[in-house]
Amino acid sequence: MPVTSILLAVLIAFALMAFRLFNSLRTMQIHLGFGAVLPRYESPQLFWLAIALQCLGLGTLFAIVYVVCFVAPNQPMS
C-alpha cells in the first residue's frame, strides 16, 4: 500500500509539472511563483535555463516512477 501512495503522489506531481512545461513552451512565457512573468525575448538564456530546470525536474520524477514500477518489484527481499 505505501508504494501505491508514493506512486500516486509522484504521478500527480509529474502531471502538474508536465502541464506547466507545456504551457511555458506554448506561450513562450514562464510564470514565476511570485507573480512575475519571464518572456522568452526579454532574456533568452534565463528562459531556456528555466525550461531546462523544468525538464530536469520531470526527469527526476520519471526516474522515481521507473524505480517504483520496474526496479523495486524485481529486488529480492533479504
N, C-alpha and C. Protein backbone atom coordinates (compact mmCIF):
# COMPACT_ATOMS: atom_id res chain seq x y z
N MET A 1 0.81 -1.21 0.00
CA MET A 1 0.00 0.00 0.00
C MET A 1 0.84 1.27 0.00
N PRO A 2 1.99 1.35 0.75
CA PRO A 2 2.77 2.58 0.72
C PRO A 2 3.34 2.88 -0.67
N VAL A 3 3.64 1.83 -1.44
CA VAL A 3 4.20 2.07 -2.77
C VAL A 3 3.17 2.74 -3.67
N THR A 4 1.92 2.34 -3.56
CA THR A 4 0.89 2.95 -4.40
C THR A 4 0.65 4.41 -4.02
N SER A 5 0.73 4.72 -2.74
CA SER A 5 0.54 6.12 -2.34
C SER A 5 1.71 6.98 -2.80
N ILE A 6 2.93 6.43 -2.75
CA ILE A 6 4.08 7.17 -3.27
C ILE A 6 3.94 7.37 -4.76
N LEU A 7 3.54 6.31 -5.46
CA LEU A 7 3.40 6.39 -6.91
C LEU A 7 2.30 7.38 -7.30
N LEU A 8 1.21 7.40 -6.57
CA LEU A 8 0.13 8.35 -6.87
C LEU A 8 0.59 9.78 -6.69
N ALA A 9 1.29 10.06 -5.60
CA ALA A 9 1.78 11.42 -5.36
C ALA A 9 2.78 11.86 -6.43
N VAL A 10 3.65 10.95 -6.82
CA VAL A 10 4.64 11.28 -7.84
C VAL A 10 3.98 11.47 -9.20
N LEU A 11 2.99 10.66 -9.53
CA LEU A 11 2.30 10.81 -10.81
C LEU A 11 1.53 12.13 -10.88
N ILE A 12 0.93 12.54 -9.78
CA ILE A 12 0.23 13.82 -9.76
C ILE A 12 1.23 14.97 -9.94
N ALA A 13 2.36 14.90 -9.25
CA ALA A 13 3.40 15.93 -9.42
C ALA A 13 3.94 15.93 -10.84
N PHE A 14 4.11 14.73 -11.42
CA PHE A 14 4.59 14.62 -12.80
C PHE A 14 3.61 15.28 -13.77
N ALA A 15 2.32 15.03 -13.58
CA ALA A 15 1.31 15.62 -14.47
C ALA A 15 1.29 17.14 -14.34
N LEU A 16 1.39 17.65 -13.13
CA LEU A 16 1.38 19.10 -12.95
C LEU A 16 2.61 19.76 -13.56
N MET A 17 3.78 19.14 -13.37
CA MET A 17 4.99 19.71 -13.95
C MET A 17 4.99 19.62 -15.47
N ALA A 18 4.45 18.54 -16.02
CA ALA A 18 4.37 18.41 -17.48
C ALA A 18 3.42 19.46 -18.05
N PHE A 19 2.31 19.70 -17.37
CA PHE A 19 1.38 20.74 -17.82
C PHE A 19 2.04 22.11 -17.76
N ARG A 20 2.78 22.37 -16.71
CA ARG A 20 3.45 23.66 -16.56
C ARG A 20 4.51 23.85 -17.65
N LEU A 21 5.28 22.80 -17.94
CA LEU A 21 6.28 22.89 -19.00
C LEU A 21 5.62 23.09 -20.36
N PHE A 22 4.56 22.35 -20.64
CA PHE A 22 3.85 22.51 -21.91
C PHE A 22 3.30 23.92 -22.05
N ASN A 23 2.73 24.45 -21.00
CA ASN A 23 2.17 25.80 -21.04
C ASN A 23 3.28 26.84 -21.25
N SER A 24 4.43 26.63 -20.63
CA SER A 24 5.54 27.57 -20.81
C SER A 24 6.05 27.55 -22.25
N LEU A 25 6.13 26.39 -22.85
CA LEU A 25 6.61 26.31 -24.23
C LEU A 25 5.55 26.79 -25.22
N ARG A 26 4.30 26.62 -24.89
CA ARG A 26 3.23 27.06 -25.78
C ARG A 26 3.15 28.58 -25.83
N THR A 27 3.23 29.23 -24.69
CA THR A 27 3.10 30.69 -24.63
C THR A 27 4.43 31.42 -24.73
N MET A 28 5.54 30.69 -24.61
CA MET A 28 6.89 31.26 -24.59
C MET A 28 7.05 32.28 -23.46
N GLN A 29 6.36 32.01 -22.36
CA GLN A 29 6.48 32.81 -21.14
C GLN A 29 6.45 31.86 -19.95
N ILE A 30 7.27 32.17 -18.97
CA ILE A 30 7.26 31.38 -17.74
C ILE A 30 6.68 32.25 -16.64
N HIS A 31 5.63 31.78 -16.02
CA HIS A 31 5.02 32.49 -14.91
C HIS A 31 5.68 32.01 -13.63
N LEU A 32 6.41 32.91 -13.00
CA LEU A 32 7.12 32.56 -11.77
C LEU A 32 6.15 32.60 -10.60
N GLY A 33 6.54 32.00 -9.50
CA GLY A 33 5.64 31.81 -8.37
C GLY A 33 5.17 33.08 -7.71
N PHE A 34 5.91 34.16 -7.79
CA PHE A 34 5.53 35.36 -7.07
C PHE A 34 4.90 36.43 -7.96
N GLY A 35 4.36 36.04 -9.10
CA GLY A 35 3.62 36.95 -9.94
C GLY A 35 4.39 37.54 -11.10
N ALA A 36 5.67 37.27 -11.19
CA ALA A 36 6.47 37.79 -12.29
C ALA A 36 6.34 36.89 -13.52
N VAL A 37 6.53 37.48 -14.68
CA VAL A 37 6.46 36.74 -15.94
C VAL A 37 7.81 36.90 -16.63
N LEU A 38 8.36 35.78 -17.10
CA LEU A 38 9.63 35.80 -17.81
C LEU A 38 9.38 35.45 -19.28
N PRO A 39 9.31 36.47 -20.16
CA PRO A 39 9.13 36.18 -21.59
C PRO A 39 10.43 35.71 -22.22
N ARG A 40 10.30 34.98 -23.32
CA ARG A 40 11.47 34.41 -23.98
C ARG A 40 12.35 35.50 -24.59
N TYR A 41 11.76 36.51 -25.18
CA TYR A 41 12.54 37.51 -25.92
C TYR A 41 13.22 38.52 -25.01
N GLU A 42 12.80 38.61 -23.75
CA GLU A 42 13.42 39.56 -22.84
C GLU A 42 14.76 39.03 -22.32
N SER A 43 14.82 37.76 -22.00
CA SER A 43 16.05 37.14 -21.51
C SER A 43 16.09 35.69 -21.98
N PRO A 44 16.61 35.44 -23.18
CA PRO A 44 16.56 34.08 -23.73
C PRO A 44 17.34 33.05 -22.91
N GLN A 45 18.51 33.43 -22.39
CA GLN A 45 19.31 32.47 -21.62
C GLN A 45 18.59 32.06 -20.34
N LEU A 46 18.00 33.02 -19.65
CA LEU A 46 17.29 32.71 -18.42
C LEU A 46 16.04 31.88 -18.70
N PHE A 47 15.37 32.20 -19.80
CA PHE A 47 14.17 31.43 -20.18
C PHE A 47 14.53 29.97 -20.43
N TRP A 48 15.57 29.72 -21.24
CA TRP A 48 15.93 28.34 -21.57
C TRP A 48 16.55 27.62 -20.38
N LEU A 49 17.18 28.37 -19.47
CA LEU A 49 17.67 27.75 -18.23
C LEU A 49 16.50 27.28 -17.38
N ALA A 50 15.45 28.09 -17.30
CA ALA A 50 14.26 27.68 -16.54
C ALA A 50 13.58 26.49 -17.19
N ILE A 51 13.53 26.45 -18.52
CA ILE A 51 12.96 25.29 -19.23
C ILE A 51 13.80 24.05 -18.95
N ALA A 52 15.11 24.18 -18.97
CA ALA A 52 16.00 23.04 -18.69
C ALA A 52 15.80 22.54 -17.26
N LEU A 53 15.62 23.43 -16.31
CA LEU A 53 15.38 23.01 -14.93
C LEU A 53 14.04 22.29 -14.79
N GLN A 54 13.03 22.75 -15.54
CA GLN A 54 11.75 22.06 -15.51
C GLN A 54 11.88 20.66 -16.11
N CYS A 55 12.65 20.54 -17.18
CA CYS A 55 12.88 19.21 -17.79
C CYS A 55 13.66 18.32 -16.83
N LEU A 56 14.61 18.88 -16.11
CA LEU A 56 15.36 18.10 -15.12
C LEU A 56 14.44 17.60 -14.01
N GLY A 57 13.53 18.43 -13.57
CA GLY A 57 12.55 18.01 -12.56
C GLY A 57 11.65 16.90 -13.08
N LEU A 58 11.22 17.02 -14.33
CA LEU A 58 10.39 15.96 -14.93
C LEU A 58 11.18 14.66 -15.05
N GLY A 59 12.45 14.75 -15.40
CA GLY A 59 13.28 13.55 -15.48
C GLY A 59 13.46 12.88 -14.14
N THR A 60 13.58 13.68 -13.09
CA THR A 60 13.71 13.12 -11.74
C THR A 60 12.43 12.38 -11.34
N LEU A 61 11.29 12.98 -11.61
CA LEU A 61 10.03 12.31 -11.28
C LEU A 61 9.84 11.06 -12.11
N PHE A 62 10.24 11.10 -13.38
CA PHE A 62 10.15 9.91 -14.23
C PHE A 62 11.06 8.80 -13.70
N ALA A 63 12.24 9.17 -13.20
CA ALA A 63 13.15 8.17 -12.63
C ALA A 63 12.54 7.53 -11.38
N ILE A 64 11.85 8.30 -10.56
CA ILE A 64 11.20 7.74 -9.37
C ILE A 64 10.10 6.77 -9.78
N VAL A 65 9.31 7.14 -10.78
CA VAL A 65 8.26 6.24 -11.26
C VAL A 65 8.88 4.96 -11.81
N TYR A 66 9.97 5.08 -12.55
CA TYR A 66 10.65 3.91 -13.11
C TYR A 66 11.14 2.97 -12.02
N VAL A 67 11.74 3.53 -10.99
CA VAL A 67 12.26 2.70 -9.90
C VAL A 67 11.13 2.01 -9.16
N VAL A 68 10.06 2.73 -8.88
CA VAL A 68 8.94 2.15 -8.14
C VAL A 68 8.25 1.05 -8.94
N CYS A 69 8.11 1.26 -10.24
CA CYS A 69 7.35 0.29 -11.06
C CYS A 69 8.19 -0.88 -11.56
N PHE A 70 9.45 -0.65 -11.91
CA PHE A 70 10.20 -1.68 -12.60
C PHE A 70 11.39 -2.22 -11.82
N VAL A 71 12.05 -1.42 -11.02
CA VAL A 71 13.25 -1.88 -10.33
C VAL A 71 12.91 -2.48 -8.97
N ALA A 72 12.11 -1.79 -8.20
CA ALA A 72 11.80 -2.25 -6.84
C ALA A 72 11.08 -3.60 -6.79
N PRO A 73 10.13 -3.89 -7.66
CA PRO A 73 9.47 -5.21 -7.58
C PRO A 73 10.38 -6.38 -7.91
N ASN A 74 11.48 -6.15 -8.61
CA ASN A 74 12.36 -7.23 -9.01
C ASN A 74 13.52 -7.44 -8.03
N GLN A 75 13.58 -6.65 -6.97
CA GLN A 75 14.65 -6.81 -5.98
C GLN A 75 14.29 -7.94 -5.03
N PRO A 76 15.25 -8.83 -4.74
CA PRO A 76 14.97 -9.90 -3.77
C PRO A 76 14.86 -9.34 -2.36
N MET A 77 13.97 -9.91 -1.60
CA MET A 77 13.82 -9.49 -0.19
C MET A 77 14.88 -10.21 0.63
N SER A 78 15.64 -9.47 1.41
CA SER A 78 16.67 -10.12 2.21
C SER A 78 16.57 -9.75 3.67
